[in-house]
N, C-alpha and C. Protein backbone atom coordinates (compact mmCIF):
# COMPACT_ATOMS: atom_id res chain seq x y z
N MET A 1 79.31 127.39 103.71
CA MET A 1 81.12 127.59 103.38
C MET A 1 81.84 127.93 104.77
N SER A 2 80.93 129.10 105.59
CA SER A 2 81.97 129.24 106.65
C SER A 2 82.11 127.96 107.81
N ASN A 3 81.13 126.99 107.76
CA ASN A 3 81.39 125.83 108.23
C ASN A 3 82.35 124.82 107.80
N ARG A 4 82.62 124.92 106.52
CA ARG A 4 83.56 124.32 106.15
C ARG A 4 84.97 124.75 106.36
N ILE A 5 85.02 126.02 106.50
CA ILE A 5 86.22 126.81 106.71
C ILE A 5 86.52 126.49 108.42
N THR A 6 85.49 126.48 108.87
CA THR A 6 85.52 126.23 110.46
C THR A 6 86.19 124.98 110.89
N VAL A 7 85.48 124.08 110.37
CA VAL A 7 86.07 122.44 110.36
C VAL A 7 87.36 122.25 109.73
N LEU A 8 87.57 122.84 108.49
CA LEU A 8 88.75 122.61 108.06
C LEU A 8 89.68 123.31 108.64
N SER A 9 89.68 124.22 109.60
CA SER A 9 90.80 124.88 110.35
C SER A 9 90.89 124.00 111.50
N ILE A 10 89.54 123.66 112.01
CA ILE A 10 89.92 123.05 113.39
C ILE A 10 90.62 121.41 113.09
N LEU A 11 90.58 120.73 111.61
CA LEU A 11 91.23 119.68 111.54
C LEU A 11 92.67 119.90 111.27
N LEU A 12 93.04 121.27 110.72
CA LEU A 12 94.48 121.94 110.39
C LEU A 12 95.30 121.95 111.65
N LEU A 13 94.60 122.35 112.55
CA LEU A 13 94.93 122.81 114.14
C LEU A 13 95.26 121.37 114.69
N ALA A 14 94.29 120.34 114.69
CA ALA A 14 94.63 119.08 115.31
C ALA A 14 95.64 118.58 114.83
N LEU A 15 95.65 118.63 113.46
CA LEU A 15 97.03 117.68 112.77
C LEU A 15 98.35 118.57 112.98
N ALA A 16 98.18 119.62 113.51
CA ALA A 16 99.22 120.32 114.01
C ALA A 16 99.66 119.98 115.20
N PHE A 17 98.82 120.27 115.84
CA PHE A 17 99.48 119.28 117.26
C PHE A 17 99.84 117.66 117.11
N VAL A 18 99.06 117.05 116.53
CA VAL A 18 99.63 115.32 116.18
C VAL A 18 101.12 115.46 115.87
N THR A 19 101.42 116.23 114.90
CA THR A 19 102.89 116.39 114.17
C THR A 19 103.72 116.80 115.16
N ASP A 20 103.27 117.80 116.05
CA ASP A 20 104.23 118.13 116.91
C ASP A 20 104.32 117.02 118.10
N ALA A 21 103.57 116.51 118.68
CA ALA A 21 103.65 115.28 119.85
C ALA A 21 104.57 114.17 118.75
N TYR A 22 104.13 113.93 117.91
CA TYR A 22 104.91 112.93 117.19
C TYR A 22 106.50 113.33 117.02
N ALA A 23 106.26 114.56 116.60
CA ALA A 23 108.15 115.01 116.31
C ALA A 23 109.18 115.20 117.96
N ALA A 24 108.03 115.58 118.90
CA ALA A 24 108.65 115.36 120.32
C ALA A 24 109.19 114.09 120.72
N LYS A 25 108.76 113.02 120.22
CA LYS A 25 109.63 111.79 120.70
C LYS A 25 110.77 111.90 120.31
N ASP A 26 111.48 111.26 121.30
CA ASP A 26 112.77 111.37 121.40
C ASP A 26 113.60 110.14 120.06
N ARG A 27 114.34 110.62 119.26
CA ARG A 27 114.94 109.88 118.25
C ARG A 27 116.40 110.02 118.31
N TYR A 28 117.21 108.67 118.70
CA TYR A 28 118.61 108.63 118.60
C TYR A 28 119.30 108.03 117.31
N GLU A 29 119.99 108.51 116.97
CA GLU A 29 120.59 108.11 115.90
C GLU A 29 122.14 107.63 115.98
N PHE A 30 122.46 106.37 116.22
CA PHE A 30 123.99 105.97 116.37
C PHE A 30 124.36 105.32 115.29
N ASP A 31 125.88 105.69 115.25
CA ASP A 31 126.65 105.34 114.26
C ASP A 31 126.89 103.88 114.45
N ASP A 32 127.26 103.43 115.64
CA ASP A 32 127.65 101.95 115.79
C ASP A 32 126.66 101.54 116.41
N PRO A 33 126.51 100.08 116.01
CA PRO A 33 125.17 99.25 116.69
C PRO A 33 125.55 99.13 118.32
N ALA A 34 127.10 98.99 118.70
CA ALA A 34 127.34 98.77 120.05
C ALA A 34 126.62 99.83 120.74
N GLN A 35 127.13 101.08 120.38
CA GLN A 35 126.75 102.45 121.19
C GLN A 35 124.61 102.27 121.21
N ARG A 36 124.22 101.60 120.49
CA ARG A 36 122.59 101.53 120.32
C ARG A 36 122.53 100.54 121.27
N GLU A 37 123.31 99.31 121.36
CA GLU A 37 122.81 98.40 122.89
C GLU A 37 123.54 98.93 123.96
N ALA A 38 124.43 99.90 124.17
CA ALA A 38 124.48 100.63 125.17
C ALA A 38 123.53 101.36 125.82
N PHE A 39 123.24 102.08 124.96
CA PHE A 39 122.03 102.91 125.38
C PHE A 39 120.83 102.03 125.72
N LEU A 40 120.17 101.44 124.96
CA LEU A 40 119.32 100.62 125.48
C LEU A 40 119.42 100.08 126.68
N LYS A 41 120.53 99.28 127.08
CA LYS A 41 120.92 98.42 128.29
C LYS A 41 120.84 99.86 129.34
N LEU A 42 121.47 100.91 129.07
CA LEU A 42 121.75 101.78 130.23
C LEU A 42 120.21 102.44 130.57
N THR A 43 119.50 102.96 129.56
CA THR A 43 118.09 103.13 129.65
C THR A 43 117.30 102.45 130.63
N ALA A 44 117.08 100.99 130.27
CA ALA A 44 116.88 100.22 130.84
C ALA A 44 117.12 99.50 132.37
N GLU A 45 118.66 100.06 132.60
CA GLU A 45 118.98 99.88 134.01
C GLU A 45 118.79 101.22 134.88
N LEU A 46 118.66 102.60 134.70
CA LEU A 46 118.58 103.59 135.16
C LEU A 46 116.97 103.80 135.31
N ARG A 47 117.04 104.01 136.71
CA ARG A 47 115.84 104.48 137.42
C ARG A 47 115.11 106.01 137.15
N CYS A 48 113.79 106.32 136.53
CA CYS A 48 113.70 107.55 137.06
C CYS A 48 113.34 107.66 138.26
N PRO A 49 114.01 109.44 138.65
CA PRO A 49 113.58 109.74 139.81
C PRO A 49 112.51 110.27 140.44
N MET A 50 111.61 110.58 139.22
CA MET A 50 110.44 110.96 139.54
C MET A 50 109.52 109.86 139.58
N CYS A 51 109.36 108.88 138.67
CA CYS A 51 108.77 107.60 138.69
C CYS A 51 108.82 106.46 139.59
N GLN A 52 110.08 106.48 140.23
CA GLN A 52 110.65 105.81 141.01
C GLN A 52 110.83 104.22 140.90
N ASN A 53 109.92 103.83 140.03
CA ASN A 53 109.69 102.23 139.91
C ASN A 53 109.65 102.36 138.42
N GLN A 54 109.88 102.96 137.83
CA GLN A 54 109.83 102.71 136.18
C GLN A 54 111.58 103.30 135.48
N ASN A 55 112.15 102.59 134.70
CA ASN A 55 113.21 102.90 134.35
C ASN A 55 113.13 104.01 133.27
N ILE A 56 113.98 104.82 132.69
CA ILE A 56 113.94 105.90 132.10
C ILE A 56 113.74 105.62 130.49
N ALA A 57 114.03 104.44 130.37
CA ALA A 57 113.90 104.03 128.65
C ALA A 57 112.10 104.02 128.82
N ASP A 58 111.14 103.54 129.76
CA ASP A 58 110.02 103.56 129.85
C ASP A 58 108.89 104.97 130.42
N SER A 59 109.83 105.50 130.86
CA SER A 59 109.02 106.58 131.64
C SER A 59 108.93 108.05 130.75
N ASP A 60 107.82 108.70 130.63
CA ASP A 60 107.41 109.67 130.04
C ASP A 60 107.91 111.10 130.66
N ALA A 61 108.13 111.15 131.81
CA ALA A 61 108.53 112.23 132.75
C ALA A 61 109.45 112.97 132.28
N MET A 62 109.49 114.46 132.32
CA MET A 62 110.39 115.06 131.61
C MET A 62 112.22 115.02 132.35
N ILE A 63 112.31 114.79 133.36
CA ILE A 63 113.57 114.22 133.59
C ILE A 63 114.09 113.02 132.91
N ALA A 64 113.13 112.10 132.99
CA ALA A 64 113.70 110.78 132.21
C ALA A 64 113.90 110.78 131.00
N GLN A 65 113.50 111.93 129.93
CA GLN A 65 113.91 112.49 128.63
C GLN A 65 115.08 113.26 128.73
N ASP A 66 115.51 114.00 129.79
CA ASP A 66 116.50 114.72 129.71
C ASP A 66 117.70 113.58 130.16
N MET A 67 117.29 112.55 131.09
CA MET A 67 118.37 111.52 131.28
C MET A 67 119.04 110.80 130.01
N ARG A 68 117.75 110.66 129.26
CA ARG A 68 117.74 109.54 128.09
C ARG A 68 118.70 110.64 126.86
N ARG A 69 118.76 111.95 127.01
CA ARG A 69 119.91 112.65 126.24
C ARG A 69 120.63 112.88 126.84
N LYS A 70 121.07 112.96 127.97
CA LYS A 70 122.32 112.82 128.68
C LYS A 70 123.14 111.58 128.16
N VAL A 71 122.42 110.35 128.42
CA VAL A 71 123.10 108.77 128.23
C VAL A 71 123.55 109.13 126.63
N PHE A 72 122.70 109.42 126.06
CA PHE A 72 122.68 109.60 124.77
C PHE A 72 124.48 110.42 124.17
N ARG A 73 124.27 111.94 124.81
CA ARG A 73 125.16 112.73 124.84
C ARG A 73 126.80 111.82 125.15
N LEU A 74 126.39 111.20 126.40
CA LEU A 74 127.73 110.40 126.94
C LEU A 74 128.34 109.40 126.26
N LEU A 75 127.54 108.66 125.69
CA LEU A 75 127.81 107.51 124.86
C LEU A 75 128.44 108.05 123.63
N GLN A 76 127.56 109.10 122.70
CA GLN A 76 128.46 109.79 121.97
C GLN A 76 129.82 110.59 121.85
N GLU A 77 130.27 111.11 123.42
CA GLU A 77 131.22 111.48 123.65
C GLU A 77 132.52 110.03 123.79
N GLY A 78 132.02 109.08 123.57
CA GLY A 78 133.46 107.86 123.87
C GLY A 78 132.99 107.44 125.15
N LYS A 79 132.17 107.80 126.36
CA LYS A 79 132.05 107.20 127.43
C LYS A 79 131.82 105.61 127.50
N SER A 80 132.29 105.26 128.76
CA SER A 80 131.93 103.74 128.60
C SER A 80 130.51 103.63 129.49
N GLU A 81 130.10 102.67 129.53
CA GLU A 81 128.79 102.43 130.49
C GLU A 81 129.25 102.38 131.89
N GLU A 82 129.98 102.19 132.36
CA GLU A 82 130.36 102.21 133.70
C GLU A 82 130.77 103.80 134.07
N GLU A 83 131.24 104.78 132.85
CA GLU A 83 131.19 106.17 133.35
C GLU A 83 130.03 106.74 133.07
N VAL A 84 128.89 106.30 132.46
CA VAL A 84 127.63 106.85 132.49
C VAL A 84 127.07 106.75 133.54
N ILE A 85 127.10 105.70 134.06
CA ILE A 85 126.60 104.71 135.66
C ILE A 85 127.02 105.77 136.52
N SER A 86 128.34 106.06 136.74
CA SER A 86 129.26 106.95 137.28
C SER A 86 128.42 108.25 137.69
N TYR A 87 128.24 108.70 136.31
CA TYR A 87 128.14 110.34 136.25
C TYR A 87 126.73 110.18 136.72
N MET A 88 125.73 109.34 136.48
CA MET A 88 124.41 109.59 136.99
C MET A 88 124.20 109.30 138.45
N LYS A 89 125.19 108.36 139.16
CA LYS A 89 125.27 108.29 140.41
C LYS A 89 125.55 109.47 140.98
N SER A 90 126.45 110.21 140.55
CA SER A 90 126.94 111.35 141.26
C SER A 90 126.00 112.47 141.22
N ARG A 91 125.36 112.35 140.18
CA ARG A 91 124.44 113.38 139.87
C ARG A 91 122.91 112.97 140.79
N TYR A 92 122.62 111.72 140.72
CA TYR A 92 121.12 111.54 141.30
C TYR A 92 121.33 110.45 142.73
N GLY A 93 122.34 109.89 142.78
CA GLY A 93 122.65 109.41 143.86
C GLY A 93 122.56 107.64 143.86
N ASP A 94 122.79 107.01 144.39
CA ASP A 94 122.47 105.52 144.10
C ASP A 94 121.20 104.88 143.77
N PHE A 95 120.44 105.79 144.48
CA PHE A 95 118.77 105.34 144.11
C PHE A 95 118.68 105.12 142.64
N ILE A 96 119.23 105.86 141.98
CA ILE A 96 118.96 105.94 140.11
C ILE A 96 119.14 104.52 139.87
N TYR A 97 120.29 103.63 140.08
CA TYR A 97 120.69 102.38 139.46
C TYR A 97 120.02 101.37 140.29
N TYR A 98 119.34 100.72 139.19
CA TYR A 98 118.44 99.42 139.80
C TYR A 98 119.42 98.45 140.75
N GLN A 99 120.70 98.28 140.59
CA GLN A 99 121.75 97.42 141.20
C GLN A 99 122.49 98.13 142.43
N PRO A 100 121.89 98.62 143.46
CA PRO A 100 122.64 99.64 144.32
C PRO A 100 123.83 98.74 145.15
N PRO A 101 125.09 99.55 145.52
CA PRO A 101 126.05 98.94 146.20
C PRO A 101 125.65 98.63 147.28
N VAL A 102 126.34 97.55 147.88
CA VAL A 102 126.43 96.92 149.48
C VAL A 102 127.21 97.93 150.03
N THR A 103 126.58 99.25 150.93
CA THR A 103 127.47 100.09 151.76
C THR A 103 126.85 99.65 152.93
N MET A 104 127.59 100.32 154.06
CA MET A 104 127.51 100.44 155.94
C MET A 104 126.00 100.85 155.78
N GLY A 105 125.51 101.94 154.73
CA GLY A 105 124.32 102.39 155.13
C GLY A 105 123.30 101.65 154.23
N THR A 106 123.18 100.39 153.42
CA THR A 106 122.31 99.73 152.60
C THR A 106 122.82 97.84 153.07
N ILE A 107 123.55 97.78 154.23
CA ILE A 107 124.23 96.95 154.90
C ILE A 107 122.65 96.02 155.06
N TRP A 108 122.09 96.97 156.25
CA TRP A 108 120.70 96.63 156.86
C TRP A 108 119.40 95.74 156.11
N LEU A 109 119.32 96.48 154.83
CA LEU A 109 118.47 96.03 154.04
C LEU A 109 118.68 94.78 153.51
N TRP A 110 120.03 94.19 153.67
CA TRP A 110 120.29 92.67 153.53
C TRP A 110 120.12 91.62 154.62
N LEU A 111 120.70 92.22 155.70
CA LEU A 111 120.85 91.78 156.99
C LEU A 111 119.43 91.54 157.72
N LEU A 112 118.39 92.71 157.84
CA LEU A 112 117.45 92.67 158.60
C LEU A 112 116.56 91.71 158.33
N PRO A 113 116.13 91.12 156.79
CA PRO A 113 115.53 89.92 156.71
C PRO A 113 116.06 88.76 157.06
N ILE A 114 117.18 88.55 157.05
CA ILE A 114 117.92 87.14 157.69
C ILE A 114 117.64 87.01 159.04
N ALA A 115 118.22 88.27 159.83
CA ALA A 115 118.18 88.35 161.13
C ALA A 115 116.66 88.17 161.62
N PHE A 116 115.63 89.01 160.93
CA PHE A 116 114.31 88.24 161.33
C PHE A 116 113.76 87.02 161.21
N ALA A 117 114.48 86.13 160.41
CA ALA A 117 114.08 84.71 159.93
C ALA A 117 114.60 84.13 161.10
N VAL A 118 116.12 84.42 161.47
CA VAL A 118 116.75 83.59 162.54
C VAL A 118 116.04 83.75 163.91
N ILE A 119 115.64 85.06 164.14
CA ILE A 119 114.81 85.20 165.41
C ILE A 119 113.58 84.55 165.64
N ALA A 120 112.83 84.42 164.18
CA ALA A 120 111.66 83.91 164.41
C ALA A 120 111.79 82.52 164.65
N VAL A 121 112.78 81.64 163.97
CA VAL A 121 113.04 80.23 163.95
C VAL A 121 113.59 80.11 165.35
N VAL A 122 114.54 81.18 166.36
CA VAL A 122 114.71 80.68 167.78
C VAL A 122 113.47 80.68 168.33
N VAL A 123 112.34 81.57 168.26
CA VAL A 123 111.70 81.55 169.17
C VAL A 123 110.59 80.54 168.83
N LEU A 124 110.20 80.18 167.68
CA LEU A 124 109.54 78.84 167.67
C LEU A 124 110.32 77.87 168.37
N ILE A 125 111.62 77.51 168.41
CA ILE A 125 112.23 76.25 168.78
C ILE A 125 111.94 76.25 170.51
N VAL A 126 112.25 77.74 170.67
CA VAL A 126 112.32 77.93 172.31
C VAL A 126 110.94 77.68 172.67
N ARG A 127 109.59 77.78 172.19
CA ARG A 127 108.34 77.86 172.32
C ARG A 127 108.15 76.42 172.39
N LYS A 128 108.65 75.83 171.48
CA LYS A 128 108.28 73.96 171.48
C LYS A 128 109.05 73.57 172.55
N GLN A 129 110.15 73.80 172.84
CA GLN A 129 110.78 73.12 174.26
C GLN A 129 109.74 73.70 174.96
N GLN A 130 109.14 74.55 175.47
CA GLN A 130 108.88 75.00 176.73
C GLN A 130 107.45 74.07 176.60
N GLN A 131 106.73 74.11 175.71
CA GLN A 131 105.61 73.41 175.47
C GLN A 131 106.02 71.76 176.14
N ARG A 132 107.14 71.25 175.47
CA ARG A 132 107.49 69.84 175.88
C ARG A 132 107.76 69.84 177.31
N THR A 133 108.19 71.18 177.95
CA THR A 133 108.94 70.86 179.12
C THR A 133 107.61 70.97 180.25
N ASP A 134 106.53 71.76 179.97
CA ASP A 134 105.06 71.99 180.28
C ASP A 134 104.54 70.56 180.30
N SER A 135 104.67 70.20 179.48
CA SER A 135 103.68 68.97 178.92
C SER A 135 104.69 67.62 180.12
N ASP A 136 105.57 67.65 179.95
CA ASP A 136 106.45 66.53 180.76
C ASP A 136 105.98 66.51 182.51
N ALA A 137 106.08 68.07 182.61
CA ALA A 137 106.03 68.26 183.78
C ALA A 137 104.19 68.01 184.41
N GLU A 138 103.43 68.48 183.40
CA GLU A 138 101.96 67.98 183.42
C GLU A 138 101.88 66.42 183.68
N LYS A 139 102.46 65.58 183.18
CA LYS A 139 102.19 64.04 182.93
C LYS A 139 103.07 63.66 183.98
N LEU A 140 104.07 64.08 184.35
CA LEU A 140 104.59 63.82 186.09
C LEU A 140 103.60 63.65 187.04
N ALA A 141 103.27 65.17 187.32
CA ALA A 141 102.13 65.45 188.11
C ALA A 141 100.89 64.57 188.11
N LYS A 142 100.47 64.25 186.89
CA LYS A 142 99.23 63.39 187.08
C LYS A 142 99.59 62.12 187.39
N ALA A 143 100.87 61.36 187.12
CA ALA A 143 101.32 60.19 187.31
C ALA A 143 101.33 60.02 189.00
N GLU A 144 101.96 61.10 189.62
CA GLU A 144 102.06 61.32 190.76
C GLU A 144 100.59 61.25 191.77
N ARG A 145 99.99 61.86 191.08
CA ARG A 145 98.33 62.08 191.77
C ARG A 145 97.90 60.51 191.80
N ILE A 146 98.08 60.04 190.60
CA ILE A 146 97.87 58.26 190.18
C ILE A 146 98.27 57.51 191.51
N LEU A 147 99.33 57.41 191.48
CA LEU A 147 100.10 56.97 192.63
C LEU A 147 99.60 57.06 193.96
N GLU A 148 99.75 58.66 194.53
CA GLU A 148 98.90 58.82 195.40
C GLU A 148 97.42 58.17 195.83
N GLN A 149 96.51 57.87 194.60
CA GLN A 149 95.34 57.63 194.92
C GLN A 149 95.51 56.27 195.20
N ASP A 150 96.25 55.64 194.25
CA ASP A 150 96.71 54.02 194.55
C ASP A 150 97.29 53.74 195.95
N LYS A 151 97.64 54.52 196.49
CA LYS A 151 98.23 54.21 197.80
C LYS A 151 97.07 54.27 199.02
N SER A 152 96.20 55.23 198.68
CA SER A 152 95.16 55.30 199.66
C SER A 152 93.76 54.23 199.65
């Protein structure tokens, strides 16, 4: 009888933890389907600052949960998607948004690969021209040697 009570106690305790874990999952109720769409779109577009390469919709980090709640609250207050994004950017920086703005600080991220490709093409062209010039000079020298041999 004692073993049964112990087993039953353990099962009830495990059930309590499972129920708490299930209840901890975020559940958001929307009156308007457009708000729900905006919420899903925003949580997919905002990056988790802790996970760095995961959006807040997919992240289980505490900060992502807080950000989802804040997005929900802002939408419930009637804020537009742009206002929610602006709020999140002001709080967490431009990194939070998967589509960062082009600024003087970020322009080099766009220009550096292009500049590298242009420099690589120029180097290849210069080397090819040098090889042709060297090859032409070698051919001329060889022709002159043949002419000198013919004269002698």
